[in-house]
Amino acid sequence: MGTAILLAEDQADIRDLIALNLRHAGYDVTPVADGRAALDSQAERGSDLLILDLMMPGLDGLEVCKALRARGRATPILMLTAKSTELDRVLGLELGADDYLTKPFSMAELLARVKALLRRAELLRQAQSQTQGAVRVLRNGEVEIAVARREVRVRGQVVELTALEFELLLHFAQHPGHVFSRAQLLDSVWGYSHEGYEHTVTTHINRLRAKLETDPMRPLIILTVRGAGYKLRDAPP
């Protein structure tokens, strides 16, 4: 059975076009027309990736995303939205979406996002299944990153990160003290640099801080450099 993608989109023409292109790319697609059907489908067999329209009848994409994350599901979620306001974008990411696309978008861009999200999820699954071999560990104070296992510990406790959160933290850890702009991080970690998507980075920074920092409002690990970007603090001696 191929990679399973759940597509929830209430506009039939858009849903059919996306499903057609995904199937042509070799994915096993289950299309549904509303959020309730999307959520119910995950109770029986979890998909490898979810594509959720933000505005749907019944449960909208945000509610589906929130419900799945509350169940502990780390399935990659790509949010589709016709809205262009910054608040809508950030809210979706804060509730656990991994990425989003604002309509209208090209099928080539959607397929690139899908491929990137699935690749990161597969790397995470492979790493979690490794039980043997040498372990390379990056350390920055109380933060420890077992690179091959893709495992993060903070103050000795394992911290659960999504694939993108891990990639972002690893990028910082490989360059402690180096300041990266949001555009640079978007290009290096996400693999694209489309204008208007920088808030994807900001939201993932906030999610990392919530998991790593003792006080996320006064971060001591991932620091903001005003007017320039973000950096991981210089590695303590």
C-alpha atoms as a PDB file:
ATOM      1  CA  MET A   1       0.000   0.000   0.000  1.00  0.00           C
ATOM      2  CA  GLY A   2       1.327   3.449  -0.933  1.00  0.00           C
ATOM      3  CA  THR A   3       1.721   6.539   1.190  1.00  0.00           C
ATOM      4  CA  ALA A   4      -1.726   7.455   2.528  1.00  0.00           C
ATOM      5  CA  ILE A   5      -2.875  11.062   2.333  1.00  0.00           C
ATOM      6  CA  LEU A   6      -6.164  12.314   3.755  1.00  0.00           C
ATOM      7  CA  LEU A   7      -7.466  15.324   1.818  1.00  0.00           C
ATOM      8  CA  ALA A   8     -10.258  17.368   3.393  1.00  0.00           C
ATOM      9  CA  GLU A   9     -11.619  20.101   1.116  1.00  0.00           C
ATOM     10  CA  ASP A  10     -15.270  21.114   0.810  1.00  0.00           C
ATOM     11  CA  GLN A  11     -15.019  22.586  -2.704  1.00  0.00           C
ATOM     12  CA  ALA A  12     -15.489  19.618  -5.028  1.00  0.00           C
ATOM     13  CA  ASP A  13     -13.578  21.050  -7.992  1.00  0.00           C
ATOM     14  CA  ILE A  14     -10.526  21.888  -5.898  1.00  0.00           C
ATOM     15  CA  ARG A  15     -10.739  18.566  -4.031  1.00  0.00           C
ATOM     16  CA  ASP A  16     -10.903  16.585  -7.270  1.00  0.00           C
ATOM     17  CA  LEU A  17      -7.999  18.499  -8.839  1.00  0.00           C
ATOM     18  CA  ILE A  18      -5.734  18.031  -5.818  1.00  0.00           C
ATOM     19  CA  ALA A  19      -6.651  14.350  -5.498  1.00  0.00           C
ATOM     20  CA  LEU A  20      -5.957  13.790  -9.197  1.00  0.00           C
ATOM     21  CA  ASN A  21      -2.488  15.328  -8.953  1.00  0.00           C
ATOM     22  CA  LEU A  22      -1.620  13.475  -5.757  1.00  0.00           C
ATOM     23  CA  ARG A  23      -2.652  10.149  -7.265  1.00  0.00           C
ATOM     24  CA  HIS A  24      -0.679  10.927 -10.395  1.00  0.00           C
ATOM     25  CA  ALA A  25       2.338  11.439  -8.112  1.00  0.00           C
ATOM     26  CA  GLY A  26       1.803   7.939  -6.681  1.00  0.00           C
ATOM     27  CA  TYR A  27       0.005   8.676  -3.410  1.00  0.00           C
ATOM     28  CA  ASP A  28      -2.978   6.781  -1.989  1.00  0.00           C
ATOM     29  CA  VAL A  29      -5.521   9.581  -1.507  1.00  0.00           C
ATOM     30  CA  THR A  30      -8.721   9.568   0.533  1.00  0.00           C
ATOM     31  CA  PRO A  31     -10.744  12.710  -0.238  1.00  0.00           C
ATOM     32  CA  VAL A  32     -13.486  13.929   2.120  1.00  0.00           C
ATOM     33  CA  ALA A  33     -15.690  17.006   2.050  1.00  0.00           C
ATOM     34  CA  ASP A  34     -15.777  18.135   5.685  1.00  0.00           C
ATOM     35  CA  GLY A  35     -13.869  18.192   8.936  1.00  0.00           C
ATOM     36  CA  ARG A  36     -15.988  15.612  10.748  1.00  0.00           C
ATOM     37  CA  ALA A  37     -15.325  13.029   8.044  1.00  0.00           C
ATOM     38  CA  ALA A  38     -11.616  13.880   8.209  1.00  0.00           C
ATOM     39  CA  LEU A  39     -11.475  13.375  11.958  1.00  0.00           C
ATOM     40  CA  ASP A  40     -13.523  10.178  11.867  1.00  0.00           C
ATOM     41  CA  SER A  41     -11.275   8.701   9.188  1.00  0.00           C
ATOM     42  CA  GLN A  42      -8.251   8.947  11.473  1.00  0.00           C
ATOM     43  CA  ALA A  43      -9.901   6.841  14.158  1.00  0.00           C
ATOM     44  CA  GLU A  44      -9.790   3.779  11.931  1.00  0.00           C
ATOM     45  CA  ARG A  45      -6.492   4.107  10.080  1.00  0.00           C
ATOM     46  CA  GLY A  46      -4.162   7.002  10.570  1.00  0.00           C
ATOM     47  CA  SER A  47      -2.901   8.597   7.373  1.00  0.00           C
ATOM     48  CA  ASP A  48       0.731   9.409   6.651  1.00  0.00           C
ATOM     49  CA  LEU A  49      -0.154  13.041   5.960  1.00  0.00           C
ATOM     50  CA  LEU A  50      -3.232  15.254   6.207  1.00  0.00           C
ATOM     51  CA  ILE A  51      -4.134  18.121   3.904  1.00  0.00           C
ATOM     52  CA  LEU A  52      -6.861  20.185   5.575  1.00  0.00           C
ATOM     53  CA  ASP A  53      -8.767  23.131   4.211  1.00  0.00           C
ATOM     54  CA  LEU A  54      -9.103  25.824   6.852  1.00  0.00           C
ATOM     55  CA  MET A  55     -12.757  26.666   6.160  1.00  0.00           C
ATOM     56  CA  MET A  56     -15.052  23.616   6.041  1.00  0.00           C
ATOM     57  CA  PRO A  57     -18.611  22.890   7.178  1.00  0.00           C
ATOM     58  CA  GLY A  58     -19.030  21.270  10.571  1.00  0.00           C
ATOM     59  CA  LEU A  59     -15.536  21.059  11.982  1.00  0.00           C
ATOM     60  CA  ASP A  60     -13.081  23.358  10.250  1.00  0.00           C
ATOM     61  CA  GLY A  61      -9.433  22.542   9.595  1.00  0.00           C
ATOM     62  CA  LEU A  62      -8.264  24.241  12.771  1.00  0.00           C
ATOM     63  CA  GLU A  63     -10.600  22.167  14.936  1.00  0.00           C
ATOM     64  CA  VAL A  64      -9.520  18.943  13.236  1.00  0.00           C
ATOM     65  CA  CYS A  65      -5.868  19.838  13.715  1.00  0.00           C
ATOM     66  CA  LYS A  66      -6.392  20.711  17.382  1.00  0.00           C
ATOM     67  CA  ALA A  67      -8.325  17.492  18.051  1.00  0.00           C
ATOM     68  CA  LEU A  68      -5.661  15.284  16.454  1.00  0.00           C
ATOM     69  CA  ARG A  69      -2.832  16.951  18.336  1.00  0.00           C
ATOM     70  CA  ALA A  70      -4.805  16.566  21.576  1.00  0.00           C
ATOM     71  CA  ARG A  71      -4.906  12.807  20.861  1.00  0.00           C
ATOM     72  CA  GLY A  72      -1.122  12.798  20.607  1.00  0.00           C
ATOM     73  CA  ARG A  73      -1.083  12.319  16.831  1.00  0.00           C
ATOM     74  CA  ALA A  74       2.112  13.684  15.254  1.00  0.00           C
ATOM     75  CA  THR A  75       0.916  13.125  11.680  1.00  0.00           C
ATOM     76  CA  PRO A  76       2.209  15.913   9.397  1.00  0.00           C
ATOM     77  CA  ILE A  77      -0.521  18.435   8.597  1.00  0.00           C
ATOM     78  CA  LEU A  78      -0.564  20.833   5.658  1.00  0.00           C
ATOM     79  CA  MET A  79      -3.222  23.514   6.021  1.00  0.00           C
ATOM     80  CA  LEU A  80      -4.891  25.106   3.000  1.00  0.00           C
ATOM     81  CA  THR A  81      -6.422  28.539   3.449  1.00  0.00           C
ATOM     82  CA  ALA A  82      -8.124  31.108   1.257  1.00  0.00           C
ATOM     83  CA  LYS A  83      -7.543  33.654   3.971  1.00  0.00           C
ATOM     84  CA  SER A  84      -4.463  35.802   3.753  1.00  0.00           C
ATOM     85  CA  THR A  85      -4.394  37.465   7.156  1.00  0.00           C
ATOM     86  CA  GLU A  86      -1.417  36.866   9.376  1.00  0.00           C
ATOM     87  CA  LEU A  87      -3.670  35.855  12.292  1.00  0.00           C
ATOM     88  CA  ASP A  88      -5.209  32.961  10.359  1.00  0.00           C
ATOM     89  CA  ARG A  89      -1.788  31.653   9.329  1.00  0.00           C
ATOM     90  CA  VAL A  90      -0.303  31.857  12.795  1.00  0.00           C
ATOM     91  CA  LEU A  91      -3.352  30.324  14.483  1.00  0.00           C
ATOM     92  CA  GLY A  92      -3.164  27.230  12.311  1.00  0.00           C
ATOM     93  CA  LEU A  93       0.509  26.749  13.085  1.00  0.00           C
ATOM     94  CA  GLU A  94       0.001  27.386  16.796  1.00  0.00           C
ATOM     95  CA  LEU A  95      -2.632  24.627  16.887  1.00  0.00           C
ATOM     96  CA  GLY A  96      -0.157  22.134  15.454  1.00  0.00           C
ATOM     97  CA  ALA A  97      -0.143  22.414  11.658  1.00  0.00           C
ATOM     98  CA  ASP A  98       3.308  21.833  10.175  1.00  0.00           C
ATOM     99  CA  ASP A  99       2.899  24.033   7.125  1.00  0.00           C
ATOM    100  CA  TYR A 100       0.279  25.944   5.171  1.00  0.00           C
ATOM    101  CA  LEU A 101      -0.489  27.120   1.653  1.00  0.00           C
ATOM    102  CA  THR A 102      -2.561  30.162   0.792  1.00  0.00           C
ATOM    103  CA  LYS A 103      -4.945  29.794  -2.133  1.00  0.00           C
ATOM    104  CA  PRO A 104      -4.477  30.091  -5.022  1.00  0.00           C
ATOM    105  CA  PHE A 105      -1.391  27.892  -5.257  1.00  0.00           C
ATOM    106  CA  SER A 106       0.207  25.789  -7.968  1.00  0.00           C
ATOM    107  CA  MET A 107       0.026  22.004  -7.901  1.00  0.00           C
ATOM    108  CA  ALA A 108       3.822  21.934  -8.218  1.00  0.00           C
ATOM    109  CA  GLU A 109       4.146  23.918  -4.994  1.00  0.00           C
ATOM    110  CA  LEU A 110       1.655  21.709  -3.162  1.00  0.00           C
ATOM    111  CA  LEU A 111       3.444  18.535  -4.269  1.00  0.00           C
ATOM    112  CA  ALA A 112       6.785  19.981  -3.159  1.00  0.00           C
ATOM    113  CA  ARG A 113       5.391  20.735   0.298  1.00  0.00           C
ATOM    114  CA  VAL A 114       3.863  17.261   0.556  1.00  0.00           C
ATOM    115  CA  LYS A 115       7.137  15.620  -0.432  1.00  0.00           C
ATOM    116  CA  ALA A 116       9.123  17.655   2.089  1.00  0.00           C
ATOM    117  CA  LEU A 117       6.748  16.906   4.967  1.00  0.00           C
ATOM    118  CA  LEU A 118       6.689  13.188   4.203  1.00  0.00           C
ATOM    119  CA  ARG A 119      10.478  13.058   3.914  1.00  0.00           C
ATOM    120  CA  ARG A 120      10.929  14.590   7.351  1.00  0.00           C
ATOM    121  CA  ALA A 121       8.350  12.285   8.886  1.00  0.00           C
ATOM    122  CA  GLU A 122      10.086   9.248   7.390  1.00  0.00           C
ATOM    123  CA  LEU A 123      13.472  10.379   8.720  1.00  0.00           C
ATOM    124  CA  LEU A 124      11.926  10.716  12.152  1.00  0.00           C
ATOM    125  CA  ARG A 125      10.396   7.225  11.988  1.00  0.00           C
ATOM    126  CA  GLN A 126      13.692   5.693  10.854  1.00  0.00           C
ATOM    127  CA  ALA A 127      15.592   7.394  13.624  1.00  0.00           C
ATOM    128  CA  GLN A 128      13.136   6.310  16.289  1.00  0.00           C
ATOM    129  CA  SER A 129      13.498   2.687  15.175  1.00  0.00           C
ATOM    130  CA  GLN A 130      17.280   2.696  15.549  1.00  0.00           C
ATOM    131  CA  THR A 131      18.469   0.905  18.643  1.00  0.00           C
ATOM    132  CA  GLN A 132      22.116   0.223  17.880  1.00  0.00           C
ATOM    133  CA  GLY A 133      25.200   1.980  16.590  1.00  0.00           C
ATOM    134  CA  ALA A 134      27.273   4.951  17.624  1.00  0.00           C
ATOM    135  CA  VAL A 135      25.283   7.956  18.741  1.00  0.00           C
ATOM    136  CA  ARG A 136      26.433  11.455  17.845  1.00  0.00           C
ATOM    137  CA  VAL A 137      25.238  13.895  20.475  1.00  0.00           C
ATOM    138  CA  LEU A 138      25.192  17.671  20.192  1.00  0.00           C
ATOM    139  CA  ARG A 139      25.128  19.446  23.545  1.00  0.00           C
ATOM    140  CA  ASN A 140      24.304  23.010  24.442  1.00  0.00           C
ATOM    141  CA  GLY A 141      24.021  23.347  28.191  1.00  0.00           C
ATOM    142  CA  GLU A 142      21.082  21.227  29.342  1.00  0.00           C
ATOM    143  CA  VAL A 143      19.981  20.532  25.759  1.00  0.00           C
ATOM    144  CA  GLU A 144      21.195  17.244  24.235  1.00  0.00           C
ATOM    145  CA  ILE A 145      20.432  16.139  20.672  1.00  0.00           C
ATOM    146  CA  ALA A 146      21.098  12.532  19.643  1.00  0.00           C
ATOM    147  CA  VAL A 147      21.326  13.231  15.928  1.00  0.00           C
ATOM    148  CA  ALA A 148      20.937   9.749  14.416  1.00  0.00           C
ATOM    149  CA  ARG A 149      18.094   8.825  16.782  1.00  0.00           C
ATOM    150  CA  ARG A 150      16.576  12.289  16.371  1.00  0.00           C
ATOM    151  CA  GLU A 151      16.029  12.388  20.101  1.00  0.00           C
ATOM    152  CA  VAL A 152      16.120  15.539  22.202  1.00  0.00           C
ATOM    153  CA  ARG A 153      16.597  15.736  25.949  1.00  0.00           C
ATOM    154  CA  VAL A 154      16.304  18.856  28.062  1.00  0.00           C
ATOM    155  CA  ARG A 155      17.508  18.688  31.640  1.00  0.00           C
ATOM    156  CA  GLY A 156      17.623  14.915  31.225  1.00  0.00           C
ATOM    157  CA  GLN A 157      14.012  14.558  30.085  1.00  0.00           C
ATOM    158  CA  VAL A 158      13.018  13.450  26.572  1.00  0.00           C
ATOM    159  CA  VAL A 159      11.173  16.181  24.694  1.00  0.00           C
ATOM    160  CA  GLU A 160       8.788  15.174  21.915  1.00  0.00           C
ATOM    161  CA  LEU A 161       9.302  17.270  18.784  1.00  0.00           C
ATOM    162  CA  THR A 162       7.664  17.164  15.400  1.00  0.00           C
ATOM    163  CA  ALA A 163       9.901  16.469  12.409  1.00  0.00           C
ATOM    164  CA  LEU A 164      10.079  20.148  11.506  1.00  0.00           C
ATOM    165  CA  GLU A 165      10.729  21.259  15.073  1.00  0.00           C
ATOM    166  CA  PHE A 166      13.618  18.803  15.252  1.00  0.00           C
ATOM    167  CA  GLU A 167      15.066  19.981  11.932  1.00  0.00           C
ATOM    168  CA  LEU A 168      14.893  23.592  13.111  1.00  0.00           C
ATOM    169  CA  LEU A 169      16.558  22.861  16.453  1.00  0.00           C
ATOM    170  CA  LEU A 170      19.248  20.747  14.784  1.00  0.00           C
ATOM    171  CA  HIS A 171      20.032  23.557  12.352  1.00  0.00           C
ATOM    172  CA  PHE A 172      20.510  25.938  15.262  1.00  0.00           C
ATOM    173  CA  ALA A 173      22.578  23.403  17.220  1.00  0.00           C
ATOM    174  CA  GLN A 174      24.931  22.888  14.290  1.00  0.00           C
ATOM    175  CA  HIS A 175      25.613  26.649  14.242  1.00  0.00           C
ATOM    176  CA  PRO A 176      25.518  27.870  17.877  1.00  0.00           C
ATOM    177  CA  GLY A 177      25.719  31.632  18.163  1.00  0.00           C
ATOM    178  CA  HIS A 178      25.032  32.175  14.456  1.00  0.00           C
ATOM    179  CA  VAL A 179      22.184  34.567  13.712  1.00  0.00           C
ATOM    180  CA  PHE A 180      19.699  33.439  11.049  1.00  0.00           C
ATOM    181  CA  SER A 181      16.969  35.565   9.526  1.00  0.00           C
ATOM    182  CA  ARG A 182      13.523  34.056   9.079  1.00  0.00           C
ATOM    183  CA  ALA A 183      14.048  33.929   5.319  1.00  0.00           C
ATOM    184  CA  GLN A 184      17.334  32.039   5.779  1.00  0.00           C
ATOM    185  CA  LEU A 185      15.707  29.526   8.117  1.00  0.00           C
ATOM    186  CA  LEU A 186      12.764  29.074   5.764  1.00  0.00           C
ATOM    187  CA  ASP A 187      15.163  28.313   2.926  1.00  0.00           C
ATOM    188  CA  SER A 188      17.506  26.038   4.922  1.00  0.00           C
ATOM    189  CA  VAL A 189      14.989  24.066   7.010  1.00  0.00           C
ATOM    190  CA  TRP A 190      11.749  24.164   5.032  1.00  0.00           C
ATOM    191  CA  GLY A 191      13.409  24.176   1.632  1.00  0.00           C
ATOM    192  CA  TYR A 192      11.536  27.110   0.150  1.00  0.00           C
ATOM    193  CA  SER A 193      11.693  30.879   0.436  1.00  0.00           C
ATOM    194  CA  HIS A 194       8.362  32.221  -0.778  1.00  0.00           C
ATOM    195  CA  GLU A 195       7.637  35.718   0.443  1.00  0.00           C
ATOM    196  CA  GLY A 196       4.889  35.864   3.045  1.00  0.00           C
ATOM    197  CA  TYR A 197       5.626  32.531   4.729  1.00  0.00           C
ATOM    198  CA  GLU A 198       8.191  33.807   7.259  1.00  0.00           C
ATOM    199  CA  HIS A 199       5.623  33.541  10.054  1.00  0.00           C
ATOM    200  CA  THR A 200       5.858  29.769   9.677  1.00  0.00           C
ATOM    201  CA  VAL A 201       9.332  30.150  11.171  1.00  0.00           C
ATOM    202  CA  THR A 202       8.202  32.447  13.975  1.00  0.00           C
ATOM    203  CA  THR A 203       5.484  30.047  15.049  1.00  0.00           C
ATOM    204  CA  HIS A 204       7.844  27.055  15.093  1.00  0.00           C
ATOM    205  CA  ILE A 205      10.329  29.087  17.151  1.00  0.00           C
ATOM    206  CA  ASN A 206       7.554  29.746  19.656  1.00  0.00           C
ATOM    207  CA  ARG A 207       6.624  26.050  19.747  1.00  0.00           C
ATOM    208  CA  LEU A 208      10.257  25.079  20.341  1.00  0.00           C
ATOM    209  CA  ARG A 209      10.572  27.603  23.138  1.00  0.00           C
ATOM    210  CA  ALA A 210       7.432  26.235  24.779  1.00  0.00           C
ATOM    211  CA  LYS A 211       9.053  22.788  24.879  1.00  0.00           C
ATOM    212  CA  LEU A 212      12.657  23.740  25.708  1.00  0.00           C
ATOM    213  CA  GLU A 213      12.604  26.844  27.860  1.00  0.00           C
ATOM    214  CA  THR A 214      11.892  27.017  31.570  1.00  0.00           C
ATOM    215  CA  ASP A 215      10.145  30.317  30.883  1.00  0.00           C
ATOM    216  CA  PRO A 216       9.235  30.649  27.179  1.00  0.00           C
ATOM    217  CA  MET A 217       8.492  34.350  27.684  1.00  0.00           C
ATOM    218  CA  ARG A 218      12.117  34.889  28.788  1.00  0.00           C
ATOM    219  CA  PRO A 219      14.033  32.505  26.530  1.00  0.00           C
ATOM    220  CA  LEU A 220      17.603  31.612  27.407  1.00  0.00           C
ATOM    221  CA  ILE A 221      18.215  28.951  24.745  1.00  0.00           C
ATOM    222  CA  ILE A 222      16.789  30.213  21.454  1.00  0.00           C
ATOM    223  CA  LEU A 223      17.349  33.950  21.440  1.00  0.00           C
ATOM    224  CA  THR A 224      15.857  36.759  19.397  1.00  0.00           C
ATOM    225  CA  VAL A 225      18.337  39.190  17.872  1.00  0.00           C
ATOM    226  CA  ARG A 226      16.290  42.297  17.298  1.00  0.00           C
ATOM    227  CA  GLY A 227      16.146  43.343  13.673  1.00  0.00           C
ATOM    228  CA  ALA A 228      18.218  40.363  12.541  1.00  0.00           C
ATOM    229  CA  GLY A 229      16.610  37.041  13.419  1.00  0.00           C
ATOM    230  CA  TYR A 230      17.246  34.188  15.843  1.00  0.00           C
ATOM    231  CA  LYS A 231      20.154  32.211  17.202  1.00  0.00           C
ATOM    232  CA  LEU A 232      20.895  29.353  19.556  1.00  0.00           C
ATOM    233  CA  ARG A 233      22.949  30.728  22.437  1.00  0.00           C
ATOM    234  CA  ASP A 234      26.674  30.198  22.222  1.00  0.00           C
ATOM    235  CA  ALA A 235      27.423  26.710  23.580  1.00  0.00           C
ATOM    236  CA  PRO A 236      28.299  27.010  27.278  1.00  0.00           C
ATOM    237  CA  PRO A 237      31.833  25.818  28.170  1.00  0.00           C
END
